[in-house]
Amino acid sequence: MHVHVELPEELDVEEYRLRNARGEIPDHTPYGLHHIGDDGDVVTFRRPAHGAVAYASRKVRNRLDGYEAVTAVTGAVQRRGADAVLCMDERTGVPALFTSPRRPVVTGIGWLERPDLLGRSERIATTRALRRAAGMFSQSPGVVPILREHWDVDPGRVHGVTLGIDPEFYPEQPWDERDPGGVTITSVGDDRNRDHDTLVAAVEQVRAGGVPAWLELATTIPVTLAPDAGVVHARRMNAAMRGLYRRSTVVAIALRSNPVGAGLTVALEGLASGRPVVATDNPGMDHYVDHGRTGILVPPGDPAAMAGAIAELLSDPERAAAMGAEGRKDVETRFTSAHMARELADIVRGVL
């Protein structure tokens, strides 16, 4: 089987491999998709556009809310010889569905919710595209029923795929290398579904309760955090996140209510690092964070509940350590990029 992967325009696989070799980013290829070839299948990746084509593509993409129409056309010739096309989200998947009449396309769904939430033109175009899909998948269990019930597609073509990360890039961090006092909380995230205000309010409540909690928050989203309560790292941390996870006792993720799987990657990074995760209990989060065993799930928009969960773990480091150890086991046995790639390969193989 030959799978041709069409990545977002900004991802150059060769540059990605170099950055991985320098220890800057996880996995040898984006999403670890090279693992599709672990059992002998052939995997190729779309080469990025350059020059005038790249310029035009960016302009059109910005006008189309991120949909990558130009490179779907100009890069179509690279599909020759492939048995199927794989896209990781709808921004590349929808254009591929319109421009790949001879090869089946399997596309991930990253951000779509109900069709009535879209504008008329986008709703019509997306509906027509998804009808052409040989397969669709989401890494968020909350999205799968939305696709099956609200979109005019064959439910049998919709699949759940388990998200995976690189467990070597995110190793288990020694418990005794946490910050002195063991009161550091780490969080990271820049997407629109992050609710850092709730997290900051929760940390303030923990501190008001007598636990001198310290928050290390990596985000480019504007947020106000008192200097004595923590620090905001207003940049993309990449490999430096491992240091934050090492210093922490808890990884906390506050999210607005949503079904699209926001925060799942950070949850897995925290678990892989051997740290318990406190996270908003959005649809699908419980597939990755086992409430009471590898972390604690709390309702969205509830600083008091999040504060209680954080304080509970900071005050009981033995329990927190045990949760972190169980989380690491889960990542190694269920949540690696190699596991995810095998599931994707099975879906693609099933449409041929």
Protein backbone atom coordinates (compact mmCIF):
# COMPACT_ATOMS: atom_id res chain seq x y z
CA MET A 1 0.00 0.00 0.00
CA HIS A 2 1.26 3.46 -0.94
CA VAL A 3 -0.17 6.29 1.18
CA HIS A 4 0.43 9.88 0.08
CA VAL A 5 0.15 12.32 2.99
CA GLU A 6 -0.86 15.92 2.29
CA LEU A 7 0.33 18.00 5.22
CA PRO A 8 -0.47 21.65 5.93
CA GLU A 9 1.45 24.05 3.71
CA GLU A 10 3.69 25.30 6.49
CA LEU A 11 5.08 21.82 7.20
CA ASP A 12 8.19 20.84 5.27
CA VAL A 13 8.99 17.22 6.13
CA GLU A 14 12.69 17.55 5.37
CA GLU A 15 13.01 20.61 7.60
CA TYR A 16 10.93 18.81 10.22
CA ARG A 17 13.35 15.86 10.21
CA LEU A 18 16.29 18.19 10.69
CA ARG A 19 14.61 19.89 13.64
CA ASN A 20 13.81 16.51 15.16
CA ALA A 21 17.44 15.44 14.74
CA ARG A 22 18.46 18.58 16.62
CA GLY A 23 16.14 17.60 19.47
CA GLU A 24 13.77 20.54 18.94
CA ILE A 25 10.50 18.74 18.15
CA PRO A 26 9.00 15.25 18.59
CA ASP A 27 8.87 12.42 16.05
CA HIS A 28 10.81 12.08 12.80
CA THR A 29 7.84 13.33 10.76
CA PRO A 30 4.75 15.40 11.65
CA TYR A 31 2.31 13.38 13.76
CA GLY A 32 4.75 10.45 13.55
CA LEU A 33 3.15 9.40 10.26
CA HIS A 34 6.33 7.68 9.09
CA HIS A 35 5.17 4.85 11.37
CA ILE A 36 2.55 3.98 8.73
CA GLY A 37 5.48 2.38 6.94
CA ASP A 38 6.57 0.28 9.94
CA ASP A 39 4.96 -2.84 8.43
CA GLY A 40 6.29 -2.32 4.92
CA ASP A 41 3.79 0.14 3.46
CA VAL A 42 5.10 3.11 1.46
CA VAL A 43 4.53 6.62 2.84
CA THR A 44 5.23 9.78 0.86
CA PHE A 45 4.65 13.38 1.89
CA ARG A 46 3.60 16.32 -0.25
CA ARG A 47 6.50 18.64 -0.87
CA PRO A 48 5.79 22.28 0.04
CA ALA A 49 5.26 24.98 -2.55
CA HIS A 50 7.83 27.72 -3.05
CA GLY A 51 8.07 31.15 -4.62
CA ALA A 52 5.04 32.61 -6.38
CA VAL A 53 2.94 29.49 -5.79
CA ALA A 54 3.57 29.63 -2.05
CA TYR A 55 2.75 33.33 -1.98
CA ALA A 56 -0.51 32.83 -3.89
CA SER A 57 -1.39 29.87 -1.72
CA ARG A 58 -1.04 31.89 1.49
CA LYS A 59 -3.22 34.66 0.09
CA VAL A 60 -5.97 32.26 -0.97
CA ARG A 61 -5.74 30.27 2.27
CA ASN A 62 -6.26 33.42 4.32
CA ARG A 63 -9.37 34.23 2.29
CA LEU A 64 -10.75 30.70 2.66
CA ASP A 65 -10.51 30.45 6.44
CA GLY A 66 -7.44 28.23 6.25
CA TYR A 67 -8.54 25.83 3.51
CA GLU A 68 -5.51 25.07 1.33
CA ALA A 69 -7.00 25.14 -2.15
CA VAL A 70 -4.00 26.22 -4.22
CA THR A 71 -1.57 23.52 -3.10
CA ALA A 72 -4.30 20.89 -3.50
CA VAL A 73 -4.23 21.75 -7.22
CA THR A 74 -0.54 22.46 -7.76
CA GLY A 75 0.53 19.48 -5.68
CA ALA A 76 -1.89 17.02 -7.27
CA VAL A 77 0.81 15.66 -9.57
CA GLN A 78 2.66 14.36 -6.50
CA ARG A 79 -0.17 11.86 -5.91
CA ARG A 80 0.91 9.76 -8.88
CA GLY A 81 1.57 6.18 -7.88
CA ALA A 82 -0.27 6.46 -4.57
CA ASP A 83 -3.12 4.15 -3.66
CA ALA A 84 -4.75 6.69 -1.35
CA VAL A 85 -4.41 10.22 -0.01
CA LEU A 86 -4.33 10.91 3.73
CA CYS A 87 -4.97 14.34 5.28
CA MET A 88 -4.86 15.04 9.00
CA ASP A 89 -7.59 17.69 9.11
CA GLU A 90 -10.23 19.32 6.97
CA ARG A 91 -8.11 22.31 5.96
CA THR A 92 -6.13 20.02 3.67
CA GLY A 93 -8.74 17.27 3.44
CA VAL A 94 -11.61 19.24 1.89
CA PRO A 95 -9.45 20.64 -0.95
CA ALA A 96 -8.01 17.16 -1.55
CA LEU A 97 -11.50 15.70 -1.82
CA PHE A 98 -12.36 18.16 -4.59
CA THR A 99 -9.11 17.59 -6.50
CA SER A 100 -8.49 13.84 -6.19
CA PRO A 101 -11.14 12.10 -8.31
CA ARG A 102 -9.05 8.99 -9.01
CA ARG A 103 -7.74 8.14 -5.56
CA PRO A 104 -9.64 7.63 -2.32
CA VAL A 105 -9.10 10.34 0.28
CA VAL A 106 -9.16 9.73 4.02
CA THR A 107 -9.32 12.96 6.01
CA GLY A 108 -9.10 13.86 9.63
CA ILE A 109 -11.59 16.30 11.14
CA GLY A 110 -10.01 18.72 13.56
CA TRP A 111 -12.36 21.64 14.00
CA LEU A 112 -15.74 20.94 12.39
CA GLU A 113 -18.75 20.74 14.65
CA ARG A 114 -22.39 20.92 13.55
CA PRO A 115 -23.04 22.20 10.00
CA ASP A 116 -25.51 24.81 11.27
CA LEU A 117 -22.59 26.59 12.96
CA LEU A 118 -20.97 27.34 9.58
CA GLY A 119 -21.74 30.03 7.06
CA ARG A 120 -23.86 28.95 4.09
CA SER A 121 -21.04 28.75 1.53
CA GLU A 122 -18.68 26.84 3.80
CA ARG A 123 -21.47 24.51 4.89
CA ILE A 124 -22.42 23.64 1.30
CA ALA A 125 -18.83 23.15 0.16
CA THR A 126 -17.89 21.07 3.19
CA THR A 127 -20.98 18.88 2.88
CA ARG A 128 -20.24 18.17 -0.78
CA ALA A 129 -16.62 17.39 0.00
CA LEU A 130 -17.31 15.04 2.89
CA ARG A 131 -19.74 13.03 0.77
CA ARG A 132 -16.75 12.18 -1.42
CA ALA A 133 -14.57 11.01 1.46
CA ALA A 134 -13.63 7.35 1.48
CA GLY A 135 -13.08 7.73 5.20
CA MET A 136 -13.08 10.34 7.95
CA PHE A 137 -11.57 10.20 11.40
CA SER A 138 -11.25 12.23 14.56
CA GLN A 139 -8.95 11.84 17.54
CA SER A 140 -11.66 13.28 19.77
CA PRO A 141 -14.42 10.83 20.71
CA GLY A 142 -16.70 13.86 21.02
CA VAL A 143 -16.50 14.64 17.30
CA VAL A 144 -17.29 11.15 15.97
CA PRO A 145 -21.03 11.21 16.89
CA ILE A 146 -21.34 14.77 15.54
CA LEU A 147 -20.06 13.64 12.14
CA ARG A 148 -22.30 10.59 12.11
CA GLU A 149 -25.46 12.34 13.25
CA HIS A 150 -25.29 15.88 11.87
CA TRP A 151 -23.49 15.57 8.54
CA ASP A 152 -24.89 13.92 5.40
CA VAL A 153 -22.28 11.15 5.29
CA ASP A 154 -22.25 7.37 5.58
CA PRO A 155 -21.77 6.71 9.32
CA GLY A 156 -19.70 3.65 8.46
CA ARG A 157 -17.05 5.90 6.93
CA VAL A 158 -16.52 7.80 10.20
CA HIS A 159 -13.85 6.44 12.53
CA GLY A 160 -12.38 7.27 15.89
CA VAL A 161 -8.59 7.29 16.03
CA THR A 162 -6.60 7.37 19.25
CA LEU A 163 -4.22 10.32 19.46
CA GLY A 164 -0.60 9.43 20.05
CA ILE A 165 2.65 11.24 20.86
CA ASP A 166 6.37 10.47 20.81
CA PRO A 167 7.17 8.87 24.20
CA GLU A 168 10.92 9.16 23.63
CA PHE A 169 10.77 12.91 23.12
CA TYR A 170 8.59 13.18 26.24
CA PRO A 171 10.32 10.77 28.66
CA GLU A 172 9.14 9.99 32.15
CA GLN A 173 10.62 12.70 34.37
CA PRO A 174 12.11 11.70 37.74
CA TRP A 175 9.70 12.51 40.54
CA ASP A 176 12.51 13.76 42.77
CA GLU A 177 13.49 16.42 40.21
CA ARG A 178 10.38 18.50 40.81
CA ASP A 179 10.78 22.03 42.11
CA PRO A 180 11.59 22.22 45.83
CA GLY A 181 8.35 22.17 47.77
CA GLY A 182 6.51 20.30 45.03
CA VAL A 183 3.94 23.04 44.40
CA THR A 184 4.53 23.80 40.70
CA ILE A 185 1.70 23.48 38.20
CA THR A 186 2.47 23.47 34.48
CA SER A 187 0.12 24.35 31.63
CA VAL A 188 0.52 25.17 27.95
CA GLY A 189 -1.72 26.09 25.03
CA ASP A 190 -2.55 28.75 22.48
CA ASP A 191 -5.78 27.64 20.79
CA ARG A 192 -9.13 29.39 21.05
CA ASN A 193 -10.55 26.76 23.39
CA ARG A 194 -8.07 27.42 26.19
CA ASP A 195 -9.52 28.96 29.35
CA HIS A 196 -6.43 30.27 31.09
CA ASP A 197 -8.50 32.72 33.14
CA THR A 198 -10.17 29.80 34.90
CA LEU A 199 -6.79 28.19 35.51
CA VAL A 200 -5.31 31.37 36.97
CA ALA A 201 -8.37 31.83 39.19
CA ALA A 202 -8.00 28.23 40.37
CA VAL A 203 -4.35 28.75 41.27
CA GLU A 204 -5.26 31.90 43.17
CA GLN A 205 -7.83 29.91 45.16
CA VAL A 206 -5.27 27.21 45.93
CA ARG A 207 -2.89 29.87 47.22
CA ALA A 208 -5.65 31.51 49.24
CA GLY A 209 -6.24 28.12 50.88
CA GLY A 210 -2.70 28.07 52.22
CA VAL A 211 -0.86 26.05 49.55
CA PRO A 212 1.87 28.22 47.95
CA ALA A 213 1.13 27.00 44.42
CA TRP A 214 3.28 28.28 41.56
CA LEU A 215 2.02 28.28 37.95
CA GLU A 216 4.29 27.89 34.91
CA LEU A 217 2.04 28.85 31.97
CA ALA A 218 3.33 28.68 28.40
CA THR A 219 1.02 30.63 26.09
CA THR A 220 0.94 33.50 23.64
CA ILE A 221 -2.64 34.28 24.70
CA PRO A 222 -2.79 37.44 26.84
CA VAL A 223 -3.34 36.46 30.46
CA THR A 224 -2.85 38.23 33.79
CA LEU A 225 -0.92 36.32 36.44
CA ALA A 226 0.31 37.86 39.68
CA PRO A 227 4.13 37.82 39.89
CA ASP A 228 4.06 35.94 43.18
CA ALA A 229 1.75 33.26 41.72
CA GLY A 230 3.81 32.17 38.73
CA VAL A 231 5.25 33.11 35.36
CA VAL A 232 3.86 33.32 31.84
CA HIS A 233 6.20 32.06 29.11
CA ALA A 234 4.84 34.08 26.18
CA ARG A 235 6.45 32.03 23.44
CA ARG A 236 6.36 28.58 21.92
CA MET A 237 8.45 26.40 24.19
CA ASN A 238 8.91 23.29 21.99
CA ALA A 239 11.62 21.11 23.61
CA ALA A 240 11.82 23.41 26.63
CA MET A 241 8.41 22.09 27.71
CA ARG A 242 10.17 19.01 28.99
CA GLY A 243 11.88 21.14 31.60
CA LEU A 244 8.55 22.59 32.72
CA TYR A 245 7.04 19.12 33.00
CA ARG A 246 10.07 17.95 34.99
CA ARG A 247 9.72 20.75 37.54
CA SER A 248 5.98 20.30 37.98
CA THR A 249 3.90 18.19 40.33
CA VAL A 250 0.68 18.65 38.35
CA VAL A 251 -0.13 19.41 34.71
CA ALA A 252 -3.37 21.41 34.53
CA ILE A 253 -5.46 22.16 31.44
CA ALA A 254 -8.46 24.48 31.65
CA LEU A 255 -10.67 24.53 28.56
CA ARG A 256 -13.85 26.11 27.34
CA SER A 257 -16.62 23.62 26.73
CA ASN A 258 -15.99 22.04 23.31
CA PRO A 259 -16.05 18.60 21.65
CA VAL A 260 -13.07 18.97 19.30
CA GLY A 261 -10.31 17.52 21.45
CA ALA A 262 -8.54 20.70 22.54
CA GLY A 263 -5.89 19.98 25.14
CA LEU A 264 -5.48 16.28 24.38
CA THR A 265 -1.87 16.54 23.20
CA VAL A 266 -0.82 18.42 26.34
CA ALA A 267 -2.64 15.88 28.48
CA LEU A 268 -0.64 13.08 26.86
CA GLU A 269 2.62 15.00 27.22
CA GLY A 270 1.93 15.41 30.93
CA LEU A 271 1.06 11.75 31.37
CA ALA A 272 4.14 10.68 29.39
CA SER A 273 6.24 12.84 31.71
CA GLY A 274 4.91 10.94 34.71
CA ARG A 275 2.76 13.75 36.03
CA PRO A 276 -0.93 13.60 36.98
CA VAL A 277 -3.24 15.70 34.83
CA VAL A 278 -6.06 17.94 36.03
CA ALA A 279 -8.22 18.82 33.03
CA THR A 280 -11.61 20.08 31.98
CA ASP A 281 -14.00 17.18 31.46
CA ASN A 282 -14.91 17.91 27.85
CA PRO A 283 -16.23 15.12 25.59
CA GLY A 284 -13.41 12.71 24.85
CA MET A 285 -10.98 13.80 27.56
CA ASP A 286 -11.89 10.78 29.69
CA HIS A 287 -10.65 8.52 26.87
CA TYR A 288 -7.14 9.79 27.61
CA VAL A 289 -7.19 10.87 31.27
CA ASP A 290 -8.58 8.15 33.52
CA HIS A 291 -10.39 10.07 36.26
CA GLY A 292 -9.08 9.07 39.67
CA ARG A 293 -6.28 6.89 38.28
CA THR A 294 -4.11 9.08 36.03
CA GLY A 295 -5.65 12.46 36.79
CA ILE A 296 -8.73 14.37 37.86
CA LEU A 297 -11.41 15.75 35.52
CA VAL A 298 -13.43 18.83 36.48
CA PRO A 299 -16.39 20.69 34.94
CA PRO A 300 -15.69 23.50 32.45
CA GLY A 301 -15.58 27.05 33.75
CA ASP A 302 -15.37 25.99 37.41
CA PRO A 303 -12.31 27.50 39.13
CA ALA A 304 -13.32 26.08 42.51
CA ALA A 305 -13.45 22.51 41.20
CA MET A 306 -10.11 22.90 39.45
CA ALA A 307 -8.60 24.46 42.57
CA GLY A 308 -9.85 21.57 44.68
CA ALA A 309 -8.33 18.99 42.33
CA ILE A 310 -4.98 20.79 42.15
CA ALA A 311 -4.80 21.29 45.92
CA GLU A 312 -5.71 17.65 46.49
CA LEU A 313 -2.73 16.46 44.44
CA LEU A 314 -0.25 19.04 45.71
CA SER A 315 -1.16 18.03 49.26
CA ASP A 316 -0.73 14.31 48.56
CA PRO A 317 2.48 13.87 46.56
CA GLU A 318 2.46 10.08 46.96
CA ARG A 319 -0.92 9.85 45.27
CA ALA A 320 0.18 12.33 42.61
CA ALA A 321 3.30 10.26 41.91
CA ALA A 322 1.26 7.07 41.62
CA MET A 323 -1.12 8.73 39.16
CA GLY A 324 1.79 9.99 37.10
CA ALA A 325 3.34 6.52 36.94
CA GLU A 326 0.05 5.03 35.76
CA GLY A 327 -0.25 7.76 33.15
CA ARG A 328 3.18 6.93 31.77
CA LYS A 329 2.17 3.28 31.44
CA ASP A 330 -0.96 4.29 29.52
CA VAL A 331 1.06 6.36 27.06
CA GLU A 332 3.52 3.55 26.42
CA THR A 333 0.81 0.94 25.87
CA ARG A 334 -1.93 2.96 24.14
CA PHE A 335 -1.06 6.54 23.23
CA THR A 336 2.08 6.60 21.07
CA SER A 337 2.31 7.99 17.56
CA ALA A 338 3.12 4.45 16.39
CA HIS A 339 -0.22 3.25 17.79
CA MET A 340 -2.01 6.11 16.04
CA ALA A 341 -0.26 5.44 12.73
CA ARG A 342 -1.30 1.79 12.80
CA GLU A 343 -4.93 2.80 13.29
CA LEU A 344 -4.69 5.24 10.38
CA ALA A 345 -3.08 2.60 8.18
CA ASP A 346 -5.94 0.21 8.97
CA ILE A 347 -8.50 2.85 7.97
CA VAL A 348 -6.74 3.59 4.69
CA ARG A 349 -6.33 -0.10 3.94
CA GLY A 350 -10.02 -0.58 4.57
CA VAL A 351 -11.06 1.87 1.82
CA LEU A 352 -8.92 0.29 -0.90
